[in-house]
Amino acid sequence: ATSTVTRAYAKGDQAEQIRACALAVARELIAAETHLADLDSQAG
């Protein structure tokens, strides 16, 4: 095991909004795959 998360956390009031923001980030990165690959292929 290599996880740095060593304990459970009680659910706080911001949990739902934090998760919504994280999933919004995931959707945006998936949608931008081709654009980011093209940029990176030109210089990496």
PDB file of all heavy atoms in Angstrom:
ATOM      1  N   ALA A   1       0.836  -1.191   0.000  1.00  0.00           N
ATOM      2  CA  ALA A   1       0.000   0.000   0.000  1.00  0.00           C
ATOM      3  C   ALA A   1       0.876   1.248   0.000  1.00  0.00           C
ATOM      4  O   ALA A   1       1.885   1.324   0.711  1.00  0.00           O
ATOM      5  CB  ALA A   1      -0.913   0.001   1.221  1.00  0.00           C
ATOM      6  N   THR A   2       0.506   2.235  -0.802  1.00  0.00           N
ATOM      7  CA  THR A   2       1.275   3.481  -0.886  1.00  0.00           C
ATOM      8  C   THR A   2       0.421   4.708  -0.608  1.00  0.00           C
ATOM      9  O   THR A   2       0.891   5.831  -0.761  1.00  0.00           O
ATOM     10  CB  THR A   2       1.914   3.628  -2.277  1.00  0.00           C
ATOM     11  OG1 THR A   2       0.877   3.609  -3.278  1.00  0.00           O
ATOM     12  CG2 THR A   2       2.908   2.508  -2.551  1.00  0.00           C
ATOM     13  N   SER A   3      -0.823   4.501  -0.233  1.00  0.00           N
ATOM     14  CA  SER A   3      -1.719   5.643  -0.004  1.00  0.00           C
ATOM     15  C   SER A   3      -1.230   6.482   1.166  1.00  0.00           C
ATOM     16  O   SER A   3      -0.732   5.972   2.174  1.00  0.00           O
ATOM     17  CB  SER A   3      -3.134   5.150   0.279  1.00  0.00           C
ATOM     18  OG  SER A   3      -3.980   6.240   0.626  1.00  0.00           O
ATOM     19  N   THR A   4      -1.376   7.801   1.016  1.00  0.00           N
ATOM     20  CA  THR A   4      -1.043   8.711   2.116  1.00  0.00           C
ATOM     21  C   THR A   4      -2.262   9.024   2.964  1.00  0.00           C
ATOM     22  O   THR A   4      -2.159   9.745   3.950  1.00  0.00           O
ATOM     23  CB  THR A   4      -0.468  10.029   1.557  1.00  0.00           C
ATOM     24  OG1 THR A   4      -1.447  10.636   0.699  1.00  0.00           O
ATOM     25  CG2 THR A   4       0.801   9.773   0.774  1.00  0.00           C
ATOM     26  N   VAL A   5      -3.424   8.498   2.580  1.00  0.00           N
ATOM     27  CA  VAL A   5      -4.651   8.715   3.355  1.00  0.00           C
ATOM     28  C   VAL A   5      -4.737   7.613   4.400  1.00  0.00           C
ATOM     29  O   VAL A   5      -4.897   6.439   4.076  1.00  0.00           O
ATOM     30  CB  VAL A   5      -5.896   8.696   2.443  1.00  0.00           C
ATOM     31  CG1 VAL A   5      -7.151   8.948   3.267  1.00  0.00           C
ATOM     32  CG2 VAL A   5      -5.758   9.743   1.348  1.00  0.00           C
ATOM     33  N   THR A   6      -4.624   7.994   5.652  1.00  0.00           N
ATOM     34  CA  THR A   6      -4.494   6.988   6.709  1.00  0.00           C
ATOM     35  C   THR A   6      -5.697   6.924   7.645  1.00  0.00           C
ATOM     36  O   THR A   6      -5.711   6.114   8.565  1.00  0.00           O
ATOM     37  CB  THR A   6      -3.239   7.282   7.545  1.00  0.00           C
ATOM     38  OG1 THR A   6      -3.338   8.608   8.091  1.00  0.00           O
ATOM     39  CG2 THR A   6      -1.991   7.168   6.687  1.00  0.00           C
ATOM     40  N   ARG A   7      -6.710   7.766   7.442  1.00  0.00           N
ATOM     41  CA  ARG A   7      -7.866   7.714   8.335  1.00  0.00           C
ATOM     42  C   ARG A   7      -9.121   8.160   7.605  1.00  0.00           C
ATOM     43  O   ARG A   7      -9.056   8.745   6.521  1.00  0.00           O
ATOM     44  CB  ARG A   7      -7.635   8.611   9.554  1.00  0.00           C
ATOM     45  CG  ARG A   7      -7.528  10.100   9.229  1.00  0.00           C
ATOM     46  CD  ARG A   7      -7.178  10.889  10.488  1.00  0.00           C
ATOM     47  NE  ARG A   7      -7.071  12.319  10.209  1.00  0.00           N
ATOM     48  CZ  ARG A   7      -8.103  13.164  10.258  1.00  0.00           C
ATOM     49  NH1 ARG A   7      -9.319  12.706  10.566  1.00  0.00           N
ATOM     50  NH2 ARG A   7      -7.928  14.446  10.023  1.00  0.00           N
ATOM     51  N   ALA A   8     -10.265   7.858   8.189  1.00  0.00           N
ATOM     52  CA  ALA A   8     -11.552   8.265   7.630  1.00  0.00           C
ATOM     53  C   ALA A   8     -11.893   9.669   8.117  1.00  0.00           C
ATOM     54  O   ALA A   8     -11.451  10.104   9.189  1.00  0.00           O
ATOM     55  CB  ALA A   8     -12.632   7.281   8.043  1.00  0.00           C
ATOM     56  N   TYR A   9     -12.689  10.382   7.342  1.00  0.00           N
ATOM     57  CA  TYR A   9     -13.076  11.744   7.655  1.00  0.00           C
ATOM     58  C   TYR A   9     -14.598  11.841   7.711  1.00  0.00           C
ATOM     59  O   TYR A   9     -15.291  11.364   6.811  1.00  0.00           O
ATOM     60  CB  TYR A   9     -12.555  12.723   6.599  1.00  0.00           C
ATOM     61  CG  TYR A   9     -11.056  12.814   6.517  1.00  0.00           C
ATOM     62  CD1 TYR A   9     -10.319  11.871   5.802  1.00  0.00           C
ATOM     63  CD2 TYR A   9     -10.363  13.837   7.152  1.00  0.00           C
ATOM     64  CE1 TYR A   9      -8.936  11.951   5.720  1.00  0.00           C
ATOM     65  CE2 TYR A   9      -8.981  13.928   7.070  1.00  0.00           C
ATOM     66  CZ  TYR A   9      -8.268  12.980   6.355  1.00  0.00           C
ATOM     67  OH  TYR A   9      -6.909  13.067   6.283  1.00  0.00           O
ATOM     68  N   ALA A  10     -15.112  12.480   8.770  1.00  0.00           N
ATOM     69  CA  ALA A  10     -16.558  12.710   8.852  1.00  0.00           C
ATOM     70  C   ALA A  10     -16.981  13.708   7.792  1.00  0.00           C
ATOM     71  O   ALA A  10     -16.235  14.634   7.449  1.00  0.00           O
ATOM     72  CB  ALA A  10     -16.919  13.229  10.250  1.00  0.00           C
ATOM     73  N   LYS A  11     -18.175  13.540   7.282  1.00  0.00           N
ATOM     74  CA  LYS A  11     -18.656  14.371   6.182  1.00  0.00           C
ATOM     75  C   LYS A  11     -18.936  15.790   6.665  1.00  0.00           C
ATOM     76  O   LYS A  11     -19.681  16.008   7.630  1.00  0.00           O
ATOM     77  CB  LYS A  11     -19.909  13.765   5.567  1.00  0.00           C
ATOM     78  CG  LYS A  11     -20.390  14.483   4.325  1.00  0.00           C
ATOM     79  CD  LYS A  11     -21.546  13.738   3.680  1.00  0.00           C
ATOM     80  CE  LYS A  11     -21.993  14.412   2.394  1.00  0.00           C
ATOM     81  NZ  LYS A  11     -23.102  13.668   1.738  1.00  0.00           N
ATOM     82  N   GLY A  12     -18.354  16.773   5.981  1.00  0.00           N
ATOM     83  CA  GLY A  12     -18.571  18.171   6.308  1.00  0.00           C
ATOM     84  C   GLY A  12     -19.591  18.816   5.391  1.00  0.00           C
ATOM     85  O   GLY A  12     -20.033  18.231   4.394  1.00  0.00           O
ATOM     86  N   ASP A  13     -19.925  20.080   5.697  1.00  0.00           N
ATOM     87  CA  ASP A  13     -20.957  20.780   4.935  1.00  0.00           C
ATOM     88  C   ASP A  13     -20.531  21.104   3.501  1.00  0.00           C
ATOM     89  O   ASP A  13     -21.383  21.325   2.638  1.00  0.00           O
ATOM     90  CB  ASP A  13     -21.340  22.073   5.658  1.00  0.00           C
ATOM     91  CG  ASP A  13     -22.067  21.810   6.970  1.00  0.00           C
ATOM     92  OD1 ASP A  13     -22.585  20.681   7.132  1.00  0.00           O
ATOM     93  OD2 ASP A  13     -22.098  22.717   7.822  1.00  0.00           O
ATOM     94  N   GLN A  14     -19.245  21.139   3.224  1.00  0.00           N
ATOM     95  CA  GLN A  14     -18.773  21.491   1.875  1.00  0.00           C
ATOM     96  C   GLN A  14     -18.570  20.275   0.981  1.00  0.00           C
ATOM     97  O   GLN A  14     -18.181  20.413  -0.178  1.00  0.00           O
ATOM     98  CB  GLN A  14     -17.460  22.274   1.971  1.00  0.00           C
ATOM     99  CG  GLN A  14     -17.602  23.645   2.584  1.00  0.00           C
ATOM    100  CD  GLN A  14     -16.281  24.369   2.682  1.00  0.00           C
ATOM    101  OE1 GLN A  14     -15.233  23.731   2.878  1.00  0.00           O
ATOM    102  NE2 GLN A  14     -16.303  25.688   2.578  1.00  0.00           N
ATOM    103  N   ALA A  15     -18.840  19.076   1.500  1.00  0.00           N
ATOM    104  CA  ALA A  15     -18.504  17.850   0.772  1.00  0.00           C
ATOM    105  C   ALA A  15     -19.132  17.790  -0.614  1.00  0.00           C
ATOM    106  O   ALA A  15     -18.457  17.479  -1.610  1.00  0.00           O
ATOM    107  CB  ALA A  15     -18.911  16.622   1.589  1.00  0.00           C
ATOM    108  N   GLU A  16     -20.429  18.094  -0.699  1.00  0.00           N
ATOM    109  CA  GLU A  16     -21.110  17.979  -1.982  1.00  0.00           C
ATOM    110  C   GLU A  16     -20.543  18.952  -3.005  1.00  0.00           C
ATOM    111  O   GLU A  16     -20.351  18.612  -4.178  1.00  0.00           O
ATOM    112  CB  GLU A  16     -22.612  18.201  -1.804  1.00  0.00           C
ATOM    113  CG  GLU A  16     -23.298  17.159  -0.956  1.00  0.00           C
ATOM    114  CD  GLU A  16     -23.180  15.764  -1.542  1.00  0.00           C
ATOM    115  OE1 GLU A  16     -23.089  15.640  -2.790  1.00  0.00           O
ATOM    116  OE2 GLU A  16     -23.168  14.783  -0.768  1.00  0.00           O
ATOM    117  N   GLN A  17     -20.272  20.185  -2.566  1.00  0.00           N
ATOM    118  CA  GLN A  17     -19.759  21.170  -3.510  1.00  0.00           C
ATOM    119  C   GLN A  17     -18.312  20.865  -3.916  1.00  0.00           C
ATOM    120  O   GLN A  17     -17.918  21.087  -5.051  1.00  0.00           O
ATOM    121  CB  GLN A  17     -19.863  22.573  -2.932  1.00  0.00           C
ATOM    122  CG  GLN A  17     -19.717  23.654  -4.005  1.00  0.00           C
ATOM    123  CD  GLN A  17     -20.006  25.045  -3.508  1.00  0.00           C
ATOM    124  OE1 GLN A  17     -20.140  25.261  -2.308  1.00  0.00           O
ATOM    125  NE2 GLN A  17     -20.084  25.994  -4.417  1.00  0.00           N
ATOM    126  N   ILE A  18     -17.530  20.359  -2.974  1.00  0.00           N
ATOM    127  CA  ILE A  18     -16.159  19.956  -3.329  1.00  0.00           C
ATOM    128  C   ILE A  18     -16.186  18.865  -4.399  1.00  0.00           C
ATOM    129  O   ILE A  18     -15.456  18.928  -5.391  1.00  0.00           O
ATOM    130  CB  ILE A  18     -15.405  19.469  -2.072  1.00  0.00           C
ATOM    131  CG1 ILE A  18     -15.178  20.624  -1.100  1.00  0.00           C
ATOM    132  CG2 ILE A  18     -14.067  18.842  -2.475  1.00  0.00           C
ATOM    133  CD1 ILE A  18     -14.599  20.183   0.242  1.00  0.00           C
ATOM    134  N   ARG A  19     -17.052  17.891  -4.187  1.00  0.00           N
ATOM    135  CA  ARG A  19     -17.158  16.802  -5.172  1.00  0.00           C
ATOM    136  C   ARG A  19     -17.645  17.318  -6.527  1.00  0.00           C
ATOM    137  O   ARG A  19     -17.122  16.913  -7.577  1.00  0.00           O
ATOM    138  CB  ARG A  19     -18.094  15.714  -4.660  1.00  0.00           C
ATOM    139  CG  ARG A  19     -18.227  14.514  -5.593  1.00  0.00           C
ATOM    140  CD  ARG A  19     -18.944  13.356  -4.904  1.00  0.00           C
ATOM    141  NE  ARG A  19     -19.015  12.202  -5.792  1.00  0.00           N
ATOM    142  CZ  ARG A  19     -20.077  11.919  -6.555  1.00  0.00           C
ATOM    143  NH1 ARG A  19     -21.150  12.704  -6.529  1.00  0.00           N
ATOM    144  NH2 ARG A  19     -20.063  10.858  -7.338  1.00  0.00           N
ATOM    145  N   ALA A  20     -18.612  18.231  -6.502  1.00  0.00           N
ATOM    146  CA  ALA A  20     -19.119  18.789  -7.760  1.00  0.00           C
ATOM    147  C   ALA A  20     -18.010  19.519  -8.515  1.00  0.00           C
ATOM    148  O   ALA A  20     -17.895  19.416  -9.746  1.00  0.00           O
ATOM    149  CB  ALA A  20     -20.290  19.729  -7.478  1.00  0.00           C
ATOM    150  N   CYS A  21     -17.182  20.258  -7.801  1.00  0.00           N
ATOM    151  CA  CYS A  21     -16.065  20.960  -8.456  1.00  0.00           C
ATOM    152  C   CYS A  21     -15.055  19.974  -9.032  1.00  0.00           C
ATOM    153  O   CYS A  21     -14.543  20.167 -10.143  1.00  0.00           O
ATOM    154  CB  CYS A  21     -15.392  21.897  -7.454  1.00  0.00           C
ATOM    155  SG  CYS A  21     -16.343  23.384  -7.086  1.00  0.00           S
ATOM    156  N   ALA A  22     -14.763  18.918  -8.284  1.00  0.00           N
ATOM    157  CA  ALA A  22     -13.802  17.920  -8.768  1.00  0.00           C
ATOM    158  C   ALA A  22     -14.316  17.232 -10.030  1.00  0.00           C
ATOM    159  O   ALA A  22     -13.560  17.015 -10.989  1.00  0.00           O
ATOM    160  CB  ALA A  22     -13.525  16.894  -7.676  1.00  0.00           C
ATOM    161  N   LEU A  23     -15.594  16.912 -10.050  1.00  0.00           N
ATOM    162  CA  LEU A  23     -16.164  16.263 -11.238  1.00  0.00           C
ATOM    163  C   LEU A  23     -16.230  17.227 -12.407  1.00  0.00           C
ATOM    164  O   LEU A  23     -16.079  16.820 -13.574  1.00  0.00           O
ATOM    165  CB  LEU A  23     -17.554  15.710 -10.912  1.00  0.00           C
ATOM    166  CG  LEU A  23     -17.574  14.568  -9.882  1.00  0.00           C
ATOM    167  CD1 LEU A  23     -19.012  14.117  -9.617  1.00  0.00           C
ATOM    168  CD2 LEU A  23     -16.723  13.388 -10.363  1.00  0.00           C
ATOM    169  N   ALA A  24     -16.431  18.507 -12.135  1.00  0.00           N
ATOM    170  CA  ALA A  24     -16.401  19.505 -13.208  1.00  0.00           C
ATOM    171  C   ALA A  24     -15.009  19.587 -13.825  1.00  0.00           C
ATOM    172  O   ALA A  24     -14.852  19.712 -15.055  1.00  0.00           O
ATOM    173  CB  ALA A  24     -16.830  20.868 -12.661  1.00  0.00           C
ATOM    174  N   VAL A  25     -13.993  19.521 -12.977  1.00  0.00           N
ATOM    175  CA  VAL A  25     -12.613  19.491 -13.471  1.00  0.00           C
ATOM    176  C   VAL A  25     -12.395  18.267 -14.361  1.00  0.00           C
ATOM    177  O   VAL A  25     -11.811  18.357 -15.448  1.00  0.00           O
ATOM    178  CB  VAL A  25     -11.629  19.482 -12.291  1.00  0.00           C
ATOM    179  CG1 VAL A  25     -10.216  19.134 -12.771  1.00  0.00           C
ATOM    180  CG2 VAL A  25     -11.620  20.830 -11.592  1.00  0.00           C
ATOM    181  N   ALA A  26     -12.883  17.107 -13.911  1.00  0.00           N
ATOM    182  CA  ALA A  26     -12.704  15.879 -14.689  1.00  0.00           C
ATOM    183  C   ALA A  26     -13.373  16.001 -16.054  1.00  0.00           C
ATOM    184  O   ALA A  26     -12.785  15.635 -17.083  1.00  0.00           O
ATOM    185  CB  ALA A  26     -13.277  14.684 -13.921  1.00  0.00           C
ATOM    186  N   ARG A  27     -14.595  16.534 -16.097  1.00  0.00           N
ATOM    187  CA  ARG A  27     -15.281  16.687 -17.377  1.00  0.00           C
ATOM    188  C   ARG A  27     -14.511  17.601 -18.312  1.00  0.00           C
ATOM    189  O   ARG A  27     -14.377  17.329 -19.511  1.00  0.00           O
ATOM    190  CB  ARG A  27     -16.694  17.247 -17.149  1.00  0.00           C
ATOM    191  CG  ARG A  27     -17.673  16.257 -16.530  1.00  0.00           C
ATOM    192  CD  ARG A  27     -19.095  16.778 -16.619  1.00  0.00           C
ATOM    193  NE  ARG A  27     -19.276  18.045 -15.903  1.00  0.00           N
ATOM    194  CZ  ARG A  27     -19.588  18.138 -14.612  1.00  0.00           C
ATOM    195  NH1 ARG A  27     -19.751  17.031 -13.897  1.00  0.00           N
ATOM    196  NH2 ARG A  27     -19.755  19.323 -14.036  1.00  0.00           N
ATOM    197  N   GLU A  28     -13.992  18.690 -17.789  1.00  0.00           N
ATOM    198  CA  GLU A  28     -13.267  19.645 -18.630  1.00  0.00           C
ATOM    199  C   GLU A  28     -11.979  19.046 -19.190  1.00  0.00           C
ATOM    200  O   GLU A  28     -11.647  19.239 -20.358  1.00  0.00           O
ATOM    201  CB  GLU A  28     -12.950  20.905 -17.821  1.00  0.00           C
ATOM    202  CG  GLU A  28     -12.205  21.984 -18.596  1.00  0.00           C
ATOM    203  CD  GLU A  28     -12.985  22.492 -19.789  1.00  0.00           C
ATOM    204  OE1 GLU A  28     -14.234  22.528 -19.732  1.00  0.00           O
ATOM    205  OE2 GLU A  28     -12.343  22.872 -20.792  1.00  0.00           O
ATOM    206  N   LEU A  29     -11.259  18.306 -18.376  1.00  0.00           N
ATOM    207  CA  LEU A  29     -10.004  17.711 -18.844  1.00  0.00           C
ATOM    208  C   LEU A  29     -10.259  16.637 -19.898  1.00  0.00           C
ATOM    209  O   LEU A  29      -9.483  16.506 -20.859  1.00  0.00           O
ATOM    210  CB  LEU A  29      -9.225  17.133 -17.668  1.00  0.00           C
ATOM    211  CG  LEU A  29      -8.689  18.160 -16.667  1.00  0.00           C
ATOM    212  CD1 LEU A  29      -7.981  17.464 -15.519  1.00  0.00           C
ATOM    213  CD2 LEU A  29      -7.748  19.159 -17.348  1.00  0.00           C
ATOM    214  N   ILE A  30     -11.316  15.884 -19.744  1.00  0.00           N
ATOM    215  CA  ILE A  30     -11.659  14.882 -20.753  1.00  0.00           C
ATOM    216  C   ILE A  30     -12.031  15.559 -22.061  1.00  0.00           C
ATOM    217  O   ILE A  30     -11.594  15.147 -23.143  1.00  0.00           O
ATOM    218  CB  ILE A  30     -12.790  13.970 -20.239  1.00  0.00           C
ATOM    219  CG1 ILE A  30     -12.282  13.079 -19.106  1.00  0.00           C
ATOM    220  CG2 ILE A  30     -13.359  13.119 -21.379  1.00  0.00           C
ATOM    221  CD1 ILE A  30     -13.361  12.299 -18.396  1.00  0.00           C
ATOM    222  N   ALA A  31     -12.819  16.619 -21.986  1.00  0.00           N
ATOM    223  CA  ALA A  31     -13.225  17.335 -23.194  1.00  0.00           C
ATOM    224  C   ALA A  31     -12.038  17.982 -23.902  1.00  0.00           C
ATOM    225  O   ALA A  31     -12.050  18.153 -25.130  1.00  0.00           O
ATOM    226  CB  ALA A  31     -14.261  18.401 -22.833  1.00  0.00           C
ATOM    227  N   ALA A  32     -10.998  18.335 -23.140  1.00  0.00           N
ATOM    228  CA  ALA A  32      -9.842  19.037 -23.709  1.00  0.00           C
ATOM    229  C   ALA A  32      -8.728  18.103 -24.151  1.00  0.00           C
ATOM    230  O   ALA A  32      -7.642  18.574 -24.524  1.00  0.00           O
ATOM    231  CB  ALA A  32      -9.297  20.033 -22.688  1.00  0.00           C
ATOM    232  N   GLU A  33      -8.957  16.796 -24.147  1.00  0.00           N
ATOM    233  CA  GLU A  33      -7.878  15.847 -24.440  1.00  0.00           C
ATOM    234  C   GLU A  33      -7.183  16.154 -25.764  1.00  0.00           C
ATOM    235  O   GLU A  33      -5.949  16.253 -25.837  1.00  0.00           O
ATOM    236  CB  GLU A  33      -8.421  14.417 -24.471  1.00  0.00           C
ATOM    237  CG  GLU A  33      -7.330  13.395 -24.835  1.00  0.00           C
ATOM    238  CD  GLU A  33      -7.831  11.978 -24.930  1.00  0.00           C
ATOM    239  OE1 GLU A  33      -9.072  11.774 -24.864  1.00  0.00           O
ATOM    240  OE2 GLU A  33      -7.002  11.055 -25.067  1.00  0.00           O
ATOM    241  N   THR A  34      -7.942  16.293 -26.828  1.00  0.00           N
ATOM    242  CA  THR A  34      -7.336  16.513 -28.153  1.00  0.00           C
ATOM    243  C   THR A  34      -6.558  17.813 -28.188  1.00  0.00           C
ATOM    244  O   THR A  34      -5.442  17.879 -28.727  1.00  0.00           O
ATOM    245  CB  THR A  34      -8.426  16.508 -29.228  1.00  0.00           C
ATOM    246  OG1 THR A  34      -9.114  15.256 -29.196  1.00  0.00           O
ATOM    247  CG2 THR A  34      -7.817  16.716 -30.610  1.00  0.00           C
ATOM    248  N   HIS A  35      -7.131  18.877 -27.616  1.00  0.00           N
ATOM    249  CA  HIS A  35      -6.459  20.182 -27.604  1.00  0.00           C
ATOM    250  C   HIS A  35      -5.142  20.113 -26.851  1.00  0.00           C
ATOM    251  O   HIS A  35      -4.102  20.601 -27.337  1.00  0.00           O
ATOM    252  CB  HIS A  35      -7.393  21.215 -26.979  1.00  0.00           C
ATOM    253  CG  HIS A  35      -6.799  22.591 -26.863  1.00  0.00           C
ATOM    254  ND1 HIS A  35      -6.166  23.224 -27.919  1.00  0.00           N
ATOM    255  CD2 HIS A  35      -6.736  23.457 -25.809  1.00  0.00           C
ATOM    256  CE1 HIS A  35      -5.731  24.421 -27.532  1.00  0.00           C
ATOM    257  NE2 HIS A  35      -6.063  24.575 -26.261  1.00  0.00           N
ATOM    258  N   LEU A  36      -5.155  19.496 -25.678  1.00  0.00           N
ATOM    259  CA  LEU A  36      -3.928  19.402 -24.891  1.00  0.00           C
ATOM    260  C   LEU A  36      -2.894  18.503 -25.560  1.00  0.00           C
ATOM    261  O   LEU A  36      -1.694  18.787 -25.521  1.00  0.00           O
ATOM    262  CB  LEU A  36      -4.257  18.887 -23.487  1.00  0.00           C
ATOM    263  CG  LEU A  36      -5.127  19.810 -22.629  1.00  0.00           C
ATOM    264  CD1 LEU A  36      -5.476  19.134 -21.308  1.00  0.00           C
ATOM    265  CD2 LEU A  36      -4.426  21.140 -22.380  1.00  0.00           C
ATOM    266  N   ALA A  37      -3.354  17.410 -26.177  1.00  0.00           N
ATOM    267  CA  ALA A  37      -2.419  16.521 -26.881  1.00  0.00           C
ATOM    268  C   ALA A  37      -1.759  17.248 -28.037  1.00  0.00           C
ATOM    269  O   ALA A  37      -0.556  17.087 -28.298  1.00  0.00           O
ATOM    270  CB  ALA A  37      -3.159  15.283 -27.378  1.00  0.00           C
ATOM    271  N   ASP A  38      -2.531  18.059 -28.754  1.00  0.00           N
ATOM    272  CA  ASP A  38      -1.976  18.801 -29.891  1.00  0.00           C
ATOM    273  C   ASP A  38      -0.933  19.803 -29.432  1.00  0.00           C
ATOM    274  O   ASP A  38       0.153  19.905 -30.020  1.00  0.00           O
ATOM    275  CB  ASP A  38      -3.108  19.509 -30.635  1.00  0.00           C
ATOM    276  CG  ASP A  38      -2.590  20.307 -31.823  1.00  0.00           C
ATOM    277  OD1 ASP A  38      -2.018  19.692 -32.747  1.00  0.00           O
ATOM    278  OD2 ASP A  38      -2.738  21.546 -31.825  1.00  0.00           O
ATOM    279  N   LEU A  39      -1.227  20.540 -28.366  1.00  0.00           N
ATOM    280  CA  LEU A  39      -0.242  21.495 -27.845  1.00  0.00           C
ATOM    281  C   LEU A  39       1.035  20.778 -27.416  1.00  0.00           C
ATOM    282  O   LEU A  39       2.147  21.219 -27.736  1.00  0.00           O
ATOM    283  CB  LEU A  39      -0.838  22.255 -26.661  1.00  0.00           C
ATOM    284  CG  LEU A  39      -1.927  23.291 -26.957  1.00  0.00           C
ATOM    285  CD1 LEU A  39      -2.484  23.839 -25.653  1.00  0.00           C
ATOM    286  CD2 LEU A  39      -1.383  24.422 -27.818  1.00  0.00           C
ATOM    287  N   ASP A  40       0.865  19.691 -26.696  1.00  0.00           N
ATOM    288  CA  ASP A  40       2.026  18.974 -26.175  1.00  0.00           C
ATOM    289  C   ASP A  40       2.843  18.328 -27.283  1.00  0.00           C
ATOM    290  O   ASP A  40       4.073  18.236 -27.191  1.00  0.00           O
ATOM    291  CB  ASP A  40       1.565  17.914 -25.172  1.00  0.00           C
ATOM    292  CG  ASP A  40       2.702  17.384 -24.322  1.00  0.00           C
ATOM    293  OD1 ASP A  40       3.564  18.180 -23.922  1.00  0.00           O
ATOM    294  OD2 ASP A  40       2.735  16.174 -24.064  1.00  0.00           O
ATOM    295  N   SER A  41       2.182  17.869 -28.337  1.00  0.00           N
ATOM    296  CA  SER A  41       2.915  17.230 -29.432  1.00  0.00           C
ATOM    297  C   SER A  41       3.778  18.218 -30.202  1.00  0.00           C
ATOM    298  O   SER A  41       4.758  17.836 -30.835  1.00  0.00           O
ATOM    299  CB  SER A  41       1.936  16.543 -30.392  1.00  0.00           C
ATOM    300  OG  SER A  41       1.125  17.499 -31.042  1.00  0.00           O
ATOM    301  N   GLN A  42       3.423  19.492 -30.141  1.00  0.00           N
ATOM    302  CA  GLN A  42       4.211  20.507 -30.852  1.00  0.00           C
ATOM    303  C   GLN A  42       5.459  20.923 -30.095  1.00  0.00           C
ATOM    304  O   GLN A  42       6.373  21.505 -30.679  1.00  0.00           O
ATOM    305  CB  GLN A  42       3.343  21.743 -31.129  1.00  0.00           C
ATOM    306  CG  GLN A  42       2.175  21.479 -32.070  1.00  0.00           C
ATOM    307  CD  GLN A  42       1.361  22.722 -32.326  1.00  0.00           C
ATOM    308  OE1 GLN A  42       1.856  23.696 -32.897  1.00  0.00           O
ATOM    309  NE2 GLN A  42       0.107  22.710 -31.891  1.00  0.00           N
ATOM    310  N   ALA A  43       5.487  20.635 -28.808  1.00  0.00           N
ATOM    311  CA  ALA A  43       6.656  21.038 -28.022  1.00  0.00           C
ATOM    312  C   ALA A  43       7.095  19.986 -27.024  1.00  0.00           C
ATOM    313  O   ALA A  43       7.964  20.241 -26.202  1.00  0.00           O
ATOM    314  CB  ALA A  43       6.342  22.346 -27.277  1.00  0.00           C
ATOM    315  N   GLY A  44       6.498  18.794 -27.084  1.00  0.00           N
ATOM    316  CA  GLY A  44       6.856  17.730 -26.149  1.00  0.00           C
ATOM    317  C   GLY A  44       6.606  16.384 -26.762  1.00  0.00           C
ATOM    318  O   GLY A  44       6.769  16.205 -27.969  1.00  0.00           O
TER     319      GLY A  44
END
